[in-house]
Amino acid sequence: MRLSQEFYLQDALTAAQDLIGKILVRKIAGSKVKVRIVETEAYCGINDKASHAYNNKRSKRNETMFKQGGIAYIYLIYGIHNLFNVVVGSEGDPQAVLIRAVEPLNSLEFIKKNRKIKSSEPLHLNQNQDLHQKRY
């Protein structure tokens, strides 16, 4: 079930909690890859020192955060990792939720191949979590 537009108009703290357990689906190469969101992080606007929009800073990179909720804010970090955020809240109020960790629900071999992980290696949610540990 798709989330309604109203879902994305809530504040980042609420949305971060509400996104836990939701399923993300991505169509890749004719397949649907499904993952469950198990960890999020809220960025609460211009007063949040960890936010790219802190102190109302606007740039080409973070302009997406200032749009109405319901769109993706994806950026490259350390030159190698793309971080996926969900923009939430009203236009002009730059809030977003970082999707920090997911649990694969299908297509595990495809995910490993896409992440350049050898098939025999375990897949981790993050550096410290085993795939089978649930965090919600």
Protein backbone atom coordinates (compact mmCIF):
# COMPACT_ATOMS: atom_id res chain seq x y z
CA MET A 1 0.00 0.00 0.00
CA ARG A 2 1.35 3.40 -0.96
CA LEU A 3 1.55 6.08 1.67
CA SER A 4 -0.75 9.06 1.21
CA GLN A 5 0.55 12.55 0.46
CA GLU A 6 -0.67 13.57 3.92
CA PHE A 7 1.82 11.14 5.48
CA TYR A 8 4.68 13.18 4.05
CA LEU A 9 3.35 16.46 5.42
CA GLN A 10 4.05 15.52 9.03
CA ASP A 11 7.14 16.66 10.92
CA ALA A 12 10.43 14.75 10.67
CA LEU A 13 10.36 13.29 14.19
CA THR A 14 6.91 11.80 13.69
CA ALA A 15 7.66 10.62 10.15
CA ALA A 16 10.93 8.99 11.26
CA GLN A 17 9.03 6.90 13.81
CA ASP A 18 6.17 6.14 11.41
CA LEU A 19 8.52 4.97 8.64
CA ILE A 20 9.93 2.17 10.82
CA GLY A 21 8.49 -1.11 9.54
CA LYS A 22 7.33 0.34 6.21
CA ILE A 23 8.27 -1.52 3.02
CA LEU A 24 10.28 0.15 0.25
CA VAL A 25 9.89 -1.32 -3.23
CA ARG A 26 12.25 -0.57 -6.09
CA LYS A 27 11.89 -1.92 -9.60
CA ILE A 28 15.32 -2.83 -10.97
CA ALA A 29 16.07 -4.80 -14.11
CA GLY A 30 12.54 -6.16 -14.29
CA SER A 31 12.48 -7.27 -10.65
CA LYS A 32 10.94 -5.79 -7.53
CA VAL A 33 13.38 -5.48 -4.65
CA LYS A 34 11.61 -5.15 -1.30
CA VAL A 35 13.17 -4.00 1.96
CA ARG A 36 11.73 -3.12 5.37
CA ILE A 37 12.87 0.14 6.97
CA VAL A 38 14.40 -0.69 10.35
CA GLU A 39 16.31 2.47 11.26
CA THR A 40 15.71 6.15 10.52
CA GLU A 41 17.10 9.52 11.56
CA ALA A 42 15.14 12.78 11.63
CA TYR A 43 16.52 16.12 10.42
CA CYS A 44 14.22 18.78 11.82
CA GLY A 45 14.81 21.91 9.81
CA ILE A 46 16.78 25.10 10.09
CA ASN A 47 17.45 24.82 13.84
CA ASP A 48 18.83 21.27 13.62
CA LYS A 49 22.64 21.59 13.61
CA ALA A 50 22.99 18.17 11.93
CA SER A 51 20.74 19.19 9.03
CA HIS A 52 22.06 20.28 5.65
CA ALA A 53 19.54 23.14 5.96
CA TYR A 54 20.82 24.34 9.35
CA ASN A 55 20.58 28.10 9.76
CA ASN A 56 18.39 28.26 6.63
CA LYS A 57 21.37 27.42 4.41
CA ARG A 58 20.21 26.81 0.84
CA SER A 59 22.37 25.37 -1.90
CA LYS A 60 22.03 23.45 -5.12
CA ARG A 61 22.74 20.29 -3.13
CA ASN A 62 20.03 20.72 -0.48
CA GLU A 63 17.36 22.66 -2.40
CA THR A 64 15.21 19.51 -2.49
CA MET A 65 14.83 19.68 1.30
CA PHE A 66 12.91 22.96 0.96
CA LYS A 67 10.21 21.41 -1.22
CA GLN A 68 6.91 19.96 -0.01
CA GLY A 69 7.21 16.53 1.60
CA GLY A 70 6.89 13.37 -0.43
CA ILE A 71 10.04 13.43 -2.55
CA ALA A 72 13.46 11.84 -2.21
CA TYR A 73 16.58 13.74 -1.19
CA ILE A 74 19.59 11.66 -2.24
CA TYR A 75 23.15 12.84 -1.90
CA LEU A 76 26.64 11.42 -2.19
CA ILE A 77 28.82 11.19 0.91
CA TYR A 78 32.55 10.41 1.05
CA GLY A 79 32.42 10.15 -2.74
CA ILE A 80 31.08 6.58 -2.59
CA HIS A 81 27.79 6.29 -0.67
CA ASN A 82 24.41 7.58 -1.80
CA LEU A 83 22.21 8.41 1.18
CA PHE A 84 18.45 8.21 0.77
CA ASN A 85 16.24 10.66 2.64
CA VAL A 86 12.51 11.28 2.50
CA VAL A 87 11.58 14.97 2.48
CA VAL A 88 8.70 15.68 4.87
CA GLY A 89 6.74 18.69 6.03
CA SER A 90 5.53 21.75 4.20
CA GLU A 91 7.30 23.65 1.45
CA GLY A 92 9.90 26.05 2.81
CA ASP A 93 10.38 24.06 6.05
CA PRO A 94 13.38 21.82 5.23
CA GLN A 95 12.82 18.57 7.10
CA ALA A 96 13.88 15.11 6.03
CA VAL A 97 14.20 11.55 7.30
CA LEU A 98 17.34 9.58 6.53
CA ILE A 99 16.75 5.89 5.90
CA ARG A 100 19.71 4.51 7.87
CA ALA A 101 19.09 0.77 7.64
CA VAL A 102 16.80 -1.70 5.90
CA GLU A 103 16.11 -5.42 6.11
CA PRO A 104 15.99 -7.18 2.73
CA LEU A 105 12.75 -9.10 2.22
CA ASN A 106 13.59 -10.65 -1.15
CA SER A 107 16.20 -10.58 -3.92
CA LEU A 108 19.08 -11.05 -1.46
CA GLU A 109 21.52 -12.27 -4.12
CA PHE A 110 20.64 -9.32 -6.37
CA ILE A 111 21.21 -6.91 -3.47
CA LYS A 112 24.59 -8.49 -2.70
CA LYS A 113 25.62 -8.29 -6.34
CA ASN A 114 24.50 -4.66 -6.56
CA ARG A 115 26.51 -3.82 -3.42
CA LYS A 116 29.49 -5.81 -4.77
CA ILE A 117 29.40 -8.32 -1.91
CA LYS A 118 30.58 -11.86 -2.56
CA SER A 119 27.69 -14.30 -2.39
CA SER A 120 29.30 -16.23 0.48
CA GLU A 121 29.75 -13.09 2.63
CA PRO A 122 27.02 -12.18 5.12
CA LEU A 123 24.99 -9.07 4.36
CA HIS A 124 24.79 -6.62 7.26
CA LEU A 125 22.22 -3.93 7.94
CA ASN A 126 25.08 -1.70 9.02
CA GLN A 127 28.56 -2.24 10.40
CA ASN A 128 27.33 -3.59 13.75
CA GLN A 129 24.07 -5.37 13.01
CA ASP A 130 23.56 -8.88 11.72
CA LEU A 131 20.95 -9.21 8.97
CA HIS A 132 18.61 -11.24 11.15
CA GLN A 133 18.49 -8.85 14.10
CA LYS A 134 15.36 -6.75 14.04
CA ARG A 135 15.67 -3.17 15.24
CA TYR A 136 12.04 -2.14 15.49
